[in-house]
Each structure stands twice: as structure tokens, then as C-alpha cells.
Amino acid sequence: MRASIAMLPVLAAGLFSAGPLLAQSGWSGSTPTFESDVRQKADQAEAERAERRKAYPPVVYPKFMQGGERPDIKPAEPPIVYFDQNEEPGSIIIDTQGRKLFFVLQGKKAYQYPISVGRDGFTWAGTERISRIADWPSWTPPPEMHKRIPGLPITVTGGLRNPQGARALYLGNTIYRIHGTNNDRTVGRANSSGCFRLANEHVVHLATIAKVGTKVRVLQAYAGGVSEGAPLASLFSFGASEEPAKPVAKPKPKAKKPAPKKTDVAAAPVAPTAPDAPAAAPATTASTPAPAAAAPAAPAAPAAASTETPARPTTSE
């Protein structure tokens, strides 16, 4: 029992100190291999190659180059990571120092793409919006690039020989783009002139979910926390949904119209007439002198009982 109690602080320390371990990318023998060490070695190798290239004669390309084949590249979905703070869903965050691009999803989640960023002196920060998305874009090096690297072509059509790759997402009115690359070895390094490179499979995936007008925030370093596993708080949610369900408004019952009242209108009794009765005598005209006052009429004799049944009054509805 005492041994179990003594082990609790050790277990707690191991549980809540998992953050630094996320920087591990694997093990080499009995020692861990950290991502920062791998990146440092890659940068050193790239710097050595750049020094060797200086000794080579400049390569002169044709002024107008054909990019070559344009194969159908299938999109590859990157891993999903978790933020520790809210970000705008549907936006893009670029972490220059971490060399990651995040497409923000609902519920503090995001797709995480490894990218290449600008080398020293070519990094930048700011907020832009995607102004255009192009399949197998052409490439026209700007004048300042022609000055740095003589012999570049004036333009290159889209294709496998084009350094822009399978897709390009243009950033506002700037010369910078988020684009693919036909050389996956360049991904994850600081070797561009300010653009952001993804593997072709990843940039095709990004181009299917990003739209023209999508906000892009380019940061020197992302200040929030990012983890590959779900946050600890979500382990105790017991299946609760990340977003509360919106209440559904019940339809109001329609008011019933009052039924019209039935009014019984008694029809005036109609005296029965014989089918072959003679027509009534015409009425006297106004010129006929009125008869003198008649003597009081004798009381009428009681009428004989009629054998016909009088018509019953009817109702109209």
C-alpha cells in the first residue's frame, strides 16, 4: 500500500510532463531522437550543398521552358492535431519557425502539413487572403530573382519540371504563394525565397478544402499549444459533443378559424294551389273610384277542414 502511494507522484509527473516528449521523432538505439536535431542536421547539409553549388558554373536554361508531364496526383490527408485555444475555422495558420501549415477545423482541431519556408533574409509575417488557386501553375521568376540567379528562364509552363508543383494558392497581390514541389526532399527546410512549399499530395488536398478568400496568417512562431493527441479534458467528456446542439424551435399551432354560425331562416308558408286553378283577376287601377265604406262584414263561417297538408318551413344554410 505504501509503495503504491509513493508511486503516485511519479505517475503524475509522467502524465503531465508529456509535452516535451512530443518533440521526439523516434529512438536511435537507447537514446531519443528529437525533431530539432534532425532539422539542424538537414539545415547543415543544405548549407554545405549551397557552398558546393557556388563552385559550379551557372546553369543556363532556355528562355521559355516546357514544364513537361502533368500526372493526376491523388490528394493525401495529413494528420490532425489539437490546439489549446480557439482559432478561426476555415483559416490557414503558417508557423514559420515550426515549419508547419495548419488548416483550422471545428473543435480546436487542424490539419497539419509540413512545409518549406523562406531561408534567412526571406522570411516574412502578415495576413493575406487567397486570391487564386491554379492547377499546374506556370512560373515566372521575378526580376530580383533573375539578378540573384542568372540563367533562369523567363517563364516555365506547368508540369513536373516546374518548381511550383501541382497546385499554387496565390496570397493576395504579393509574389508569394503556397505551392507544391516535385522534389519532396525540399519539404521541411528553410530554402525558399519566401513561398511555402508542400508535397504535391498535400497541396492537392489543401486546394480541395481551401477557397478563394480564405484568410492566411503567416507568423514567425505560433504562440498557442499544439498536440498530436486529444487534450486531457476531452478524455473526461464521456462522449459529450464538442458543440452544443442548437435548440429546435417548435412550430406554433395555427389558430383555428371559428366555424360560421348556422342561422335558421323560416320560409314563409306557401298556400297550396290547385294545379289547374284559374289565374287571379287583375288588380283595379287607381282611377277606379274606391267603393263606399262597406258594412261590417259578417263573421266568416268556419272553414272546412282541408285534406291537404301544408308545406313545412325549410331552412337555408
C-alpha atoms as a PDB file:
ATOM      1  CA  MET A   1       0.000   0.000   0.000  1.00  0.00           C
ATOM      2  CA  ARG A   2       2.778   2.432   0.950  1.00  0.00           C
ATOM      3  CA  ALA A   3       4.652   1.563  -2.236  1.00  0.00           C
ATOM      4  CA  SER A   4       1.574   2.371  -4.319  1.00  0.00           C
ATOM      5  CA  ILE A   5       1.146   5.721  -2.588  1.00  0.00           C
ATOM      6  CA  ALA A   6       4.807   6.518  -3.113  1.00  0.00           C
ATOM      7  CA  MET A   7       4.477   5.863  -6.858  1.00  0.00           C
ATOM      8  CA  LEU A   8       1.625   8.364  -7.335  1.00  0.00           C
ATOM      9  CA  PRO A   9       3.864  11.457  -7.666  1.00  0.00           C
ATOM     10  CA  VAL A  10       5.993   9.620 -10.218  1.00  0.00           C
ATOM     11  CA  LEU A  11       2.958   8.649 -12.304  1.00  0.00           C
ATOM     12  CA  ALA A  12       1.548  12.171 -12.099  1.00  0.00           C
ATOM     13  CA  ALA A  13       4.847  13.637 -13.230  1.00  0.00           C
ATOM     14  CA  GLY A  14       4.937  11.280 -16.179  1.00  0.00           C
ATOM     15  CA  LEU A  15       1.335  12.104 -17.107  1.00  0.00           C
ATOM     16  CA  PHE A  16       1.669  15.882 -17.133  1.00  0.00           C
ATOM     17  CA  SER A  17       5.207  16.125 -18.495  1.00  0.00           C
ATOM     18  CA  ALA A  18       4.267  14.586 -21.835  1.00  0.00           C
ATOM     19  CA  GLY A  19       4.609  17.951 -23.573  1.00  0.00           C
ATOM     20  CA  PRO A  20       8.384  17.908 -24.169  1.00  0.00           C
ATOM     21  CA  LEU A  21       8.160  14.317 -25.375  1.00  0.00           C
ATOM     22  CA  LEU A  22       6.092  15.460 -28.348  1.00  0.00           C
ATOM     23  CA  ALA A  23       9.295  16.867 -29.803  1.00  0.00           C
ATOM     24  CA  GLN A  24      10.614  13.331 -30.119  1.00  0.00           C
ATOM     25  CA  SER A  25      10.531  11.906 -33.613  1.00  0.00           C
ATOM     26  CA  GLY A  26      11.848   8.446 -32.722  1.00  0.00           C
ATOM     27  CA  TRP A  27      14.529   6.462 -30.995  1.00  0.00           C
ATOM     28  CA  SER A  28      18.030   5.625 -32.167  1.00  0.00           C
ATOM     29  CA  GLY A  29      19.335   2.701 -30.159  1.00  0.00           C
ATOM     30  CA  SER A  30      18.859   3.623 -26.494  1.00  0.00           C
ATOM     31  CA  THR A  31      18.719   7.407 -26.968  1.00  0.00           C
ATOM     32  CA  PRO A  32      15.771   9.529 -28.203  1.00  0.00           C
ATOM     33  CA  THR A  33      15.960  11.436 -31.473  1.00  0.00           C
ATOM     34  CA  PHE A  34      14.494  14.921 -31.367  1.00  0.00           C
ATOM     35  CA  GLU A  35      12.963  16.773 -34.286  1.00  0.00           C
ATOM     36  CA  SER A  36      15.109  19.835 -33.626  1.00  0.00           C
ATOM     37  CA  ASP A  37      18.263  17.745 -34.007  1.00  0.00           C
ATOM     38  CA  VAL A  38      17.039  16.258 -37.277  1.00  0.00           C
ATOM     39  CA  ARG A  39      16.204  19.726 -38.568  1.00  0.00           C
ATOM     40  CA  GLN A  40      19.599  21.081 -37.575  1.00  0.00           C
ATOM     41  CA  LYS A  41      21.362  18.307 -39.470  1.00  0.00           C
ATOM     42  CA  ALA A  42      19.201  18.903 -42.544  1.00  0.00           C
ATOM     43  CA  ASP A  43      19.961  22.634 -42.485  1.00  0.00           C
ATOM     44  CA  GLN A  44      23.660  21.929 -42.155  1.00  0.00           C
ATOM     45  CA  ALA A  45      23.576  19.563 -45.140  1.00  0.00           C
ATOM     46  CA  GLU A  46      21.673  22.137 -47.191  1.00  0.00           C
ATOM     47  CA  ALA A  47      24.223  24.813 -46.345  1.00  0.00           C
ATOM     48  CA  GLU A  48      27.040  22.528 -47.450  1.00  0.00           C
ATOM     49  CA  ARG A  49      25.294  21.851 -50.779  1.00  0.00           C
ATOM     50  CA  ALA A  50      24.814  25.583 -51.294  1.00  0.00           C
ATOM     51  CA  GLU A  51      28.533  26.148 -50.808  1.00  0.00           C
ATOM     52  CA  ARG A  52      29.361  23.422 -53.335  1.00  0.00           C
ATOM     53  CA  ARG A  53      26.974  24.929 -55.880  1.00  0.00           C
ATOM     54  CA  LYS A  54      28.900  28.184 -55.761  1.00  0.00           C
ATOM     55  CA  ALA A  55      31.851  26.392 -57.319  1.00  0.00           C
ATOM     56  CA  TYR A  56      29.786  25.147 -60.256  1.00  0.00           C
ATOM     57  CA  PRO A  57      29.351  27.250 -63.405  1.00  0.00           C
ATOM     58  CA  PRO A  58      25.898  28.863 -63.656  1.00  0.00           C
ATOM     59  CA  VAL A  59      23.279  26.784 -65.388  1.00  0.00           C
ATOM     60  CA  VAL A  60      21.648  28.499 -68.329  1.00  0.00           C
ATOM     61  CA  TYR A  61      18.065  27.449 -69.033  1.00  0.00           C
ATOM     62  CA  PRO A  62      16.006  28.072 -72.169  1.00  0.00           C
ATOM     63  CA  LYS A  63      14.142  31.348 -72.038  1.00  0.00           C
ATOM     64  CA  PHE A  64      10.806  29.587 -72.405  1.00  0.00           C
ATOM     65  CA  MET A  65      10.660  26.141 -70.860  1.00  0.00           C
ATOM     66  CA  GLN A  66       8.033  23.448 -71.095  1.00  0.00           C
ATOM     67  CA  GLY A  67       7.073  22.035 -67.719  1.00  0.00           C
ATOM     68  CA  GLY A  68       6.574  18.508 -69.017  1.00  0.00           C
ATOM     69  CA  GLU A  69       4.005  15.936 -67.923  1.00  0.00           C
ATOM     70  CA  ARG A  70       1.061  16.715 -65.668  1.00  0.00           C
ATOM     71  CA  PRO A  71       0.045  13.465 -63.988  1.00  0.00           C
ATOM     72  CA  ASP A  72      -3.131  13.046 -61.977  1.00  0.00           C
ATOM     73  CA  ILE A  73      -1.942  13.327 -58.380  1.00  0.00           C
ATOM     74  CA  LYS A  74      -4.237  11.972 -55.690  1.00  0.00           C
ATOM     75  CA  PRO A  75      -4.655  14.042 -52.508  1.00  0.00           C
ATOM     76  CA  ALA A  76      -3.153  12.736 -49.255  1.00  0.00           C
ATOM     77  CA  GLU A  77      -4.783  13.751 -45.983  1.00  0.00           C
ATOM     78  CA  PRO A  78      -2.264  14.962 -43.364  1.00  0.00           C
ATOM     79  CA  PRO A  79      -2.551  14.169 -39.639  1.00  0.00           C
ATOM     80  CA  ILE A  80      -4.995  16.058 -37.422  1.00  0.00           C
ATOM     81  CA  VAL A  81      -3.621  17.919 -34.402  1.00  0.00           C
ATOM     82  CA  TYR A  82      -5.294  19.707 -31.487  1.00  0.00           C
ATOM     83  CA  PHE A  83      -4.996  23.343 -30.390  1.00  0.00           C
ATOM     84  CA  ASP A  84      -5.265  24.507 -26.799  1.00  0.00           C
ATOM     85  CA  GLN A  85      -7.056  27.691 -27.849  1.00  0.00           C
ATOM     86  CA  ASN A  86      -9.766  28.696 -30.272  1.00  0.00           C
ATOM     87  CA  GLU A  87      -8.816  29.618 -33.827  1.00  0.00           C
ATOM     88  CA  GLU A  88     -10.983  30.660 -36.747  1.00  0.00           C
ATOM     89  CA  PRO A  89     -12.289  27.538 -38.529  1.00  0.00           C
ATOM     90  CA  GLY A  90     -11.580  27.570 -42.251  1.00  0.00           C
ATOM     91  CA  SER A  91      -8.499  29.774 -41.930  1.00  0.00           C
ATOM     92  CA  ILE A  92      -4.834  28.915 -42.502  1.00  0.00           C
ATOM     93  CA  ILE A  93      -2.031  29.487 -39.979  1.00  0.00           C
ATOM     94  CA  ILE A  94       1.623  29.235 -41.052  1.00  0.00           C
ATOM     95  CA  ASP A  95       4.179  28.669 -38.295  1.00  0.00           C
ATOM     96  CA  THR A  96       7.457  29.734 -39.885  1.00  0.00           C
ATOM     97  CA  GLN A  97       9.658  28.630 -37.020  1.00  0.00           C
ATOM     98  CA  GLY A  98       7.895  25.288 -36.683  1.00  0.00           C
ATOM     99  CA  ARG A  99       7.712  24.870 -40.488  1.00  0.00           C
ATOM    100  CA  LYS A 100       4.097  23.816 -40.280  1.00  0.00           C
ATOM    101  CA  LEU A 101       0.936  24.896 -42.050  1.00  0.00           C
ATOM    102  CA  PHE A 102      -2.380  24.430 -40.229  1.00  0.00           C
ATOM    103  CA  PHE A 103      -5.804  24.394 -41.839  1.00  0.00           C
ATOM    104  CA  VAL A 104      -8.135  25.071 -38.908  1.00  0.00           C
ATOM    105  CA  LEU A 105     -11.108  22.751 -38.392  1.00  0.00           C
ATOM    106  CA  GLN A 106     -14.024  22.868 -35.967  1.00  0.00           C
ATOM    107  CA  GLY A 107     -13.493  21.939 -32.319  1.00  0.00           C
ATOM    108  CA  LYS A 108      -9.907  23.224 -31.869  1.00  0.00           C
ATOM    109  CA  LYS A 109      -8.599  20.779 -34.495  1.00  0.00           C
ATOM    110  CA  ALA A 110      -6.482  21.362 -37.591  1.00  0.00           C
ATOM    111  CA  TYR A 111      -4.805  19.584 -40.467  1.00  0.00           C
ATOM    112  CA  GLN A 112      -1.031  19.864 -40.059  1.00  0.00           C
ATOM    113  CA  TYR A 113       1.132  19.998 -43.198  1.00  0.00           C
ATOM    114  CA  PRO A 114       4.956  20.020 -43.162  1.00  0.00           C
ATOM    115  CA  ILE A 115       6.243  22.871 -45.319  1.00  0.00           C
ATOM    116  CA  SER A 116       9.375  24.606 -46.526  1.00  0.00           C
ATOM    117  CA  VAL A 117       9.776  28.252 -45.557  1.00  0.00           C
ATOM    118  CA  GLY A 118      11.971  31.157 -46.602  1.00  0.00           C
ATOM    119  CA  ARG A 119      15.641  30.967 -45.851  1.00  0.00           C
ATOM    120  CA  ASP A 120      17.412  33.603 -43.773  1.00  0.00           C
ATOM    121  CA  GLY A 121      16.547  37.047 -45.071  1.00  0.00           C
ATOM    122  CA  PHE A 122      13.460  35.840 -46.967  1.00  0.00           C
ATOM    123  CA  THR A 123      11.003  35.204 -44.149  1.00  0.00           C
ATOM    124  CA  TRP A 124       8.022  37.475 -43.633  1.00  0.00           C
ATOM    125  CA  ALA A 125       4.893  37.768 -41.491  1.00  0.00           C
ATOM    126  CA  GLY A 126       1.452  39.184 -42.091  1.00  0.00           C
ATOM    127  CA  THR A 127      -2.129  38.387 -43.030  1.00  0.00           C
ATOM    128  CA  GLU A 128      -3.256  37.779 -46.593  1.00  0.00           C
ATOM    129  CA  ARG A 129      -6.164  36.088 -48.341  1.00  0.00           C
ATOM    130  CA  ILE A 130      -6.054  33.502 -51.081  1.00  0.00           C
ATOM    131  CA  SER A 131      -6.716  35.358 -54.327  1.00  0.00           C
ATOM    132  CA  ARG A 132      -6.376  32.478 -56.807  1.00  0.00           C
ATOM    133  CA  ILE A 133      -5.942  28.693 -56.926  1.00  0.00           C
ATOM    134  CA  ALA A 134      -4.273  27.222 -60.027  1.00  0.00           C
ATOM    135  CA  ASP A 135      -3.688  23.657 -61.231  1.00  0.00           C
ATOM    136  CA  TRP A 136      -0.164  23.017 -62.510  1.00  0.00           C
ATOM    137  CA  PRO A 137       0.668  26.734 -62.481  1.00  0.00           C
ATOM    138  CA  SER A 138       3.250  28.366 -64.678  1.00  0.00           C
ATOM    139  CA  TRP A 139       6.272  30.020 -63.075  1.00  0.00           C
ATOM    140  CA  THR A 140       7.713  33.393 -63.988  1.00  0.00           C
ATOM    141  CA  PRO A 141      10.700  34.290 -61.777  1.00  0.00           C
ATOM    142  CA  PRO A 142      10.579  37.940 -60.641  1.00  0.00           C
ATOM    143  CA  PRO A 143      13.346  40.351 -61.755  1.00  0.00           C
ATOM    144  CA  GLU A 144      15.074  40.292 -58.348  1.00  0.00           C
ATOM    145  CA  MET A 145      15.424  36.517 -58.638  1.00  0.00           C
ATOM    146  CA  HIS A 146      16.971  36.852 -62.082  1.00  0.00           C
ATOM    147  CA  LYS A 147      19.581  39.147 -60.543  1.00  0.00           C
ATOM    148  CA  ARG A 148      20.423  36.636 -57.816  1.00  0.00           C
ATOM    149  CA  ILE A 149      20.430  33.597 -60.120  1.00  0.00           C
ATOM    150  CA  PRO A 150      21.458  34.435 -63.686  1.00  0.00           C
ATOM    151  CA  GLY A 151      20.385  31.971 -66.328  1.00  0.00           C
ATOM    152  CA  LEU A 152      16.842  31.362 -65.051  1.00  0.00           C
ATOM    153  CA  PRO A 153      14.165  31.053 -67.730  1.00  0.00           C
ATOM    154  CA  ILE A 154      11.726  33.857 -68.353  1.00  0.00           C
ATOM    155  CA  THR A 155       8.815  31.510 -67.793  1.00  0.00           C
ATOM    156  CA  VAL A 156       8.117  27.812 -67.332  1.00  0.00           C
ATOM    157  CA  THR A 157       4.787  26.183 -68.135  1.00  0.00           C
ATOM    158  CA  GLY A 158       3.140  23.897 -65.587  1.00  0.00           C
ATOM    159  CA  GLY A 159       4.415  20.359 -65.247  1.00  0.00           C
ATOM    160  CA  LEU A 160       6.822  18.070 -63.419  1.00  0.00           C
ATOM    161  CA  ARG A 161       9.821  20.246 -64.339  1.00  0.00           C
ATOM    162  CA  ASN A 162       8.177  23.337 -62.857  1.00  0.00           C
ATOM    163  CA  PRO A 163       9.244  24.103 -59.256  1.00  0.00           C
ATOM    164  CA  GLN A 164       5.699  25.287 -58.405  1.00  0.00           C
ATOM    165  CA  GLY A 165       4.364  21.724 -58.370  1.00  0.00           C
ATOM    166  CA  ALA A 166       0.809  20.542 -58.944  1.00  0.00           C
ATOM    167  CA  ARG A 167      -1.099  23.415 -57.274  1.00  0.00           C
ATOM    168  CA  ALA A 168      -0.496  27.010 -56.264  1.00  0.00           C
ATOM    169  CA  LEU A 169      -2.531  29.147 -53.864  1.00  0.00           C
ATOM    170  CA  TYR A 170      -1.742  32.809 -54.531  1.00  0.00           C
ATOM    171  CA  LEU A 171      -1.509  35.125 -51.500  1.00  0.00           C
ATOM    172  CA  GLY A 172      -3.223  38.434 -52.205  1.00  0.00           C
ATOM    173  CA  ASN A 173      -1.348  40.713 -54.597  1.00  0.00           C
ATOM    174  CA  THR A 174       2.071  39.575 -53.375  1.00  0.00           C
ATOM    175  CA  ILE A 175       4.603  37.464 -55.258  1.00  0.00           C
ATOM    176  CA  TYR A 176       4.311  34.738 -52.624  1.00  0.00           C
ATOM    177  CA  ARG A 177       2.386  31.505 -52.927  1.00  0.00           C
ATOM    178  CA  ILE A 178       1.590  28.290 -51.132  1.00  0.00           C
ATOM    179  CA  HIS A 179       2.540  25.718 -53.731  1.00  0.00           C
ATOM    180  CA  GLY A 180       3.629  22.163 -54.305  1.00  0.00           C
ATOM    181  CA  THR A 181       7.000  20.784 -55.239  1.00  0.00           C
ATOM    182  CA  ASN A 182       8.239  17.959 -57.425  1.00  0.00           C
ATOM    183  CA  ASN A 183      11.166  17.368 -55.073  1.00  0.00           C
ATOM    184  CA  ASP A 184       9.895  16.114 -51.702  1.00  0.00           C
ATOM    185  CA  ARG A 185      13.391  16.395 -50.210  1.00  0.00           C
ATOM    186  CA  THR A 186      12.988  20.171 -50.069  1.00  0.00           C
ATOM    187  CA  VAL A 187       9.948  19.962 -47.751  1.00  0.00           C
ATOM    188  CA  GLY A 188      10.645  20.811 -44.118  1.00  0.00           C
ATOM    189  CA  ARG A 189      13.596  23.108 -44.808  1.00  0.00           C
ATOM    190  CA  ALA A 190      14.277  26.832 -44.893  1.00  0.00           C
ATOM    191  CA  ASN A 191      15.353  27.142 -48.510  1.00  0.00           C
ATOM    192  CA  SER A 192      12.723  29.137 -50.416  1.00  0.00           C
ATOM    193  CA  SER A 193      12.588  32.782 -51.452  1.00  0.00           C
ATOM    194  CA  GLY A 194       9.521  33.465 -49.294  1.00  0.00           C
ATOM    195  CA  CYS A 195       6.999  30.975 -50.672  1.00  0.00           C
ATOM    196  CA  PHE A 196       5.733  27.943 -48.772  1.00  0.00           C
ATOM    197  CA  ARG A 197       6.192  24.504 -50.319  1.00  0.00           C
ATOM    198  CA  LEU A 198       4.200  21.369 -49.655  1.00  0.00           C
ATOM    199  CA  ALA A 199       4.451  17.906 -51.099  1.00  0.00           C
ATOM    200  CA  ASN A 200       2.270  17.605 -54.193  1.00  0.00           C
ATOM    201  CA  GLU A 201      -0.099  15.150 -52.482  1.00  0.00           C
ATOM    202  CA  HIS A 202      -0.595  17.597 -49.621  1.00  0.00           C
ATOM    203  CA  VAL A 203      -1.031  20.728 -51.709  1.00  0.00           C
ATOM    204  CA  VAL A 204      -3.668  18.953 -53.813  1.00  0.00           C
ATOM    205  CA  HIS A 205      -5.516  18.076 -50.586  1.00  0.00           C
ATOM    206  CA  LEU A 206      -5.238  21.660 -49.308  1.00  0.00           C
ATOM    207  CA  ALA A 207      -6.504  23.057 -52.612  1.00  0.00           C
ATOM    208  CA  THR A 208      -9.682  20.963 -52.282  1.00  0.00           C
ATOM    209  CA  ILE A 209     -10.654  22.421 -48.885  1.00  0.00           C
ATOM    210  CA  ALA A 210      -9.281  25.982 -49.084  1.00  0.00           C
ATOM    211  CA  LYS A 211     -11.220  28.533 -51.117  1.00  0.00           C
ATOM    212  CA  VAL A 212     -10.550  31.890 -52.728  1.00  0.00           C
ATOM    213  CA  GLY A 213     -10.882  34.406 -49.905  1.00  0.00           C
ATOM    214  CA  THR A 214      -9.514  32.098 -47.197  1.00  0.00           C
ATOM    215  CA  LYS A 215      -7.576  34.046 -44.556  1.00  0.00           C
ATOM    216  CA  VAL A 216      -3.870  33.148 -44.246  1.00  0.00           C
ATOM    217  CA  ARG A 217      -1.904  34.245 -41.166  1.00  0.00           C
ATOM    218  CA  VAL A 218       1.859  33.993 -41.573  1.00  0.00           C
ATOM    219  CA  LEU A 219       3.529  34.007 -38.140  1.00  0.00           C
ATOM    220  CA  GLN A 220       7.157  33.870 -37.099  1.00  0.00           C
ATOM    221  CA  ALA A 221       6.089  31.394 -34.408  1.00  0.00           C
ATOM    222  CA  TYR A 222       2.679  30.134 -33.367  1.00  0.00           C
ATOM    223  CA  ALA A 223       2.076  31.127 -29.732  1.00  0.00           C
ATOM    224  CA  GLY A 224      -0.561  28.503 -28.942  1.00  0.00           C
ATOM    225  CA  GLY A 225      -0.040  24.926 -27.925  1.00  0.00           C
ATOM    226  CA  VAL A 226      -0.342  22.093 -30.454  1.00  0.00           C
ATOM    227  CA  SER A 227      -0.567  18.410 -29.542  1.00  0.00           C
ATOM    228  CA  GLU A 228      -0.879  15.279 -31.630  1.00  0.00           C
ATOM    229  CA  GLY A 229      -3.206  13.640 -29.086  1.00  0.00           C
ATOM    230  CA  ALA A 230      -6.605  14.767 -27.885  1.00  0.00           C
ATOM    231  CA  PRO A 231      -6.481  17.186 -24.910  1.00  0.00           C
ATOM    232  CA  LEU A 232      -6.741  15.615 -21.472  1.00  0.00           C
ATOM    233  CA  ALA A 233     -10.028  17.424 -20.802  1.00  0.00           C
ATOM    234  CA  SER A 234     -11.691  15.589 -23.693  1.00  0.00           C
ATOM    235  CA  LEU A 235     -10.941  12.239 -22.024  1.00  0.00           C
ATOM    236  CA  PHE A 236     -13.429  13.091 -19.277  1.00  0.00           C
ATOM    237  CA  SER A 237     -16.211  14.413 -21.516  1.00  0.00           C
ATOM    238  CA  PHE A 238     -17.812  10.940 -21.652  1.00  0.00           C
ATOM    239  CA  GLY A 239     -18.944  11.318 -25.215  1.00  0.00           C
ATOM    240  CA  ALA A 240     -20.317  14.832 -24.886  1.00  0.00           C
ATOM    241  CA  SER A 241     -20.445  16.618 -28.214  1.00  0.00           C
ATOM    242  CA  GLU A 242     -17.920  19.377 -28.814  1.00  0.00           C
ATOM    243  CA  GLU A 243     -20.585  21.830 -29.872  1.00  0.00           C
ATOM    244  CA  PRO A 244     -23.890  22.092 -28.011  1.00  0.00           C
ATOM    245  CA  ALA A 245     -26.850  21.209 -30.124  1.00  0.00           C
ATOM    246  CA  LYS A 246     -28.897  24.174 -31.191  1.00  0.00           C
ATOM    247  CA  PRO A 247     -32.411  24.208 -29.798  1.00  0.00           C
ATOM    248  CA  VAL A 248     -35.046  23.460 -32.372  1.00  0.00           C
ATOM    249  CA  ALA A 249     -37.910  25.923 -32.299  1.00  0.00           C
ATOM    250  CA  LYS A 250     -41.259  24.207 -32.134  1.00  0.00           C
ATOM    251  CA  PRO A 251     -43.781  25.426 -34.700  1.00  0.00           C
ATOM    252  CA  LYS A 252     -46.586  27.480 -33.214  1.00  0.00           C
ATOM    253  CA  PRO A 253     -50.029  25.885 -33.525  1.00  0.00           C
ATOM    254  CA  LYS A 254     -52.175  27.561 -36.116  1.00  0.00           C
ATOM    255  CA  ALA A 255     -55.245  29.361 -34.772  1.00  0.00           C
ATOM    256  CA  LYS A 256     -58.421  27.635 -35.824  1.00  0.00           C
ATOM    257  CA  LYS A 257     -60.973  29.771 -37.595  1.00  0.00           C
ATOM    258  CA  PRO A 258     -64.369  29.813 -35.839  1.00  0.00           C
ATOM    259  CA  ALA A 259     -66.987  27.833 -37.699  1.00  0.00           C
ATOM    260  CA  PRO A 260     -69.745  30.009 -39.206  1.00  0.00           C
ATOM    261  CA  LYS A 261     -72.939  30.038 -37.155  1.00  0.00           C
ATOM    262  CA  LYS A 262     -75.951  28.410 -38.670  1.00  0.00           C
ATOM    263  CA  THR A 263     -78.943  30.682 -38.907  1.00  0.00           C
ATOM    264  CA  ASP A 264     -82.335  29.191 -39.453  1.00  0.00           C
ATOM    265  CA  VAL A 265     -84.444  31.339 -41.718  1.00  0.00           C
ATOM    266  CA  ALA A 266     -88.038  30.203 -41.745  1.00  0.00           C
ATOM    267  CA  ALA A 267     -89.556  30.271 -45.166  1.00  0.00           C
ATOM    268  CA  ALA A 268     -92.947  31.839 -45.429  1.00  0.00           C
ATOM    269  CA  PRO A 269     -95.616  29.203 -45.709  1.00  0.00           C
ATOM    270  CA  VAL A 270     -96.935  28.928 -49.171  1.00  0.00           C
ATOM    271  CA  ALA A 271    -100.624  28.283 -49.565  1.00  0.00           C
ATOM    272  CA  PRO A 272    -101.297  25.249 -51.668  1.00  0.00           C
ATOM    273  CA  THR A 273    -102.830  25.891 -55.026  1.00  0.00           C
ATOM    274  CA  ALA A 274    -104.572  23.568 -57.282  1.00  0.00           C
ATOM    275  CA  PRO A 275    -102.659  22.682 -60.389  1.00  0.00           C
ATOM    276  CA  ASP A 276    -105.377  23.878 -62.730  1.00  0.00           C
ATOM    277  CA  ALA A 277    -106.560  26.956 -60.742  1.00  0.00           C
ATOM    278  CA  PRO A 278    -107.638  29.943 -62.855  1.00  0.00           C
ATOM    279  CA  ALA A 279    -105.431  32.980 -62.902  1.00  0.00           C
ATOM    280  CA  ALA A 280    -106.229  35.714 -60.370  1.00  0.00           C
ATOM    281  CA  ALA A 281    -108.274  38.666 -61.515  1.00  0.00           C
ATOM    282  CA  PRO A 282    -106.308  41.728 -62.498  1.00  0.00           C
ATOM    283  CA  ALA A 283    -105.966  44.420 -59.870  1.00  0.00           C
ATOM    284  CA  THR A 284    -108.085  47.534 -60.189  1.00  0.00           C
ATOM    285  CA  THR A 285    -106.398  50.659 -61.392  1.00  0.00           C
ATOM    286  CA  ALA A 286    -106.006  53.815 -59.356  1.00  0.00           C
ATOM    287  CA  SER A 287    -108.643  55.601 -61.469  1.00  0.00           C
ATOM    288  CA  THR A 288    -111.379  53.329 -60.290  1.00  0.00           C
ATOM    289  CA  PRO A 289    -113.236  55.103 -57.525  1.00  0.00           C
ATOM    290  CA  ALA A 290    -112.919  53.491 -54.196  1.00  0.00           C
ATOM    291  CA  PRO A 291    -116.049  51.794 -53.064  1.00  0.00           C
ATOM    292  CA  ALA A 292    -118.044  53.273 -50.276  1.00  0.00           C
ATOM    293  CA  ALA A 293    -117.434  52.114 -46.829  1.00  0.00           C
ATOM    294  CA  ALA A 294    -118.720  48.642 -46.697  1.00  0.00           C
ATOM    295  CA  ALA A 295    -120.939  47.425 -43.987  1.00  0.00           C
ATOM    296  CA  PRO A 296    -119.243  45.427 -41.356  1.00  0.00           C
ATOM    297  CA  ALA A 297    -118.668  42.017 -42.712  1.00  0.00           C
ATOM    298  CA  ALA A 298    -120.467  39.177 -41.145  1.00  0.00           C
ATOM    299  CA  PRO A 299    -118.325  36.826 -39.221  1.00  0.00           C
ATOM    300  CA  ALA A 300    -116.863  34.316 -41.565  1.00  0.00           C
ATOM    301  CA  ALA A 301    -118.069  30.821 -41.314  1.00  0.00           C
ATOM    302  CA  PRO A 302    -115.548  28.362 -40.066  1.00  0.00           C
ATOM    303  CA  ALA A 303    -113.560  26.973 -42.950  1.00  0.00           C
ATOM    304  CA  ALA A 304    -113.892  23.362 -43.752  1.00  0.00           C
ATOM    305  CA  ALA A 305    -111.023  21.188 -42.804  1.00  0.00           C
ATOM    306  CA  SER A 306    -108.563  20.865 -45.686  1.00  0.00           C
ATOM    307  CA  THR A 307    -107.494  17.435 -46.743  1.00  0.00           C
ATOM    308  CA  GLU A 308    -104.039  18.687 -47.947  1.00  0.00           C
ATOM    309  CA  THR A 309    -101.052  19.011 -45.619  1.00  0.00           C
ATOM    310  CA  PRO A 310     -99.440  22.488 -45.662  1.00  0.00           C
ATOM    311  CA  ALA A 311     -95.780  22.635 -46.718  1.00  0.00           C
ATOM    312  CA  ARG A 312     -93.259  22.557 -43.881  1.00  0.00           C
ATOM    313  CA  PRO A 313     -90.912  25.540 -43.499  1.00  0.00           C
ATOM    314  CA  THR A 314     -87.359  24.881 -44.830  1.00  0.00           C
ATOM    315  CA  THR A 315     -84.014  26.144 -43.534  1.00  0.00           C
ATOM    316  CA  SER A 316     -81.203  27.616 -45.614  1.00  0.00           C
ATOM    317  CA  GLU A 317     -77.606  27.062 -44.548  1.00  0.00           C
END
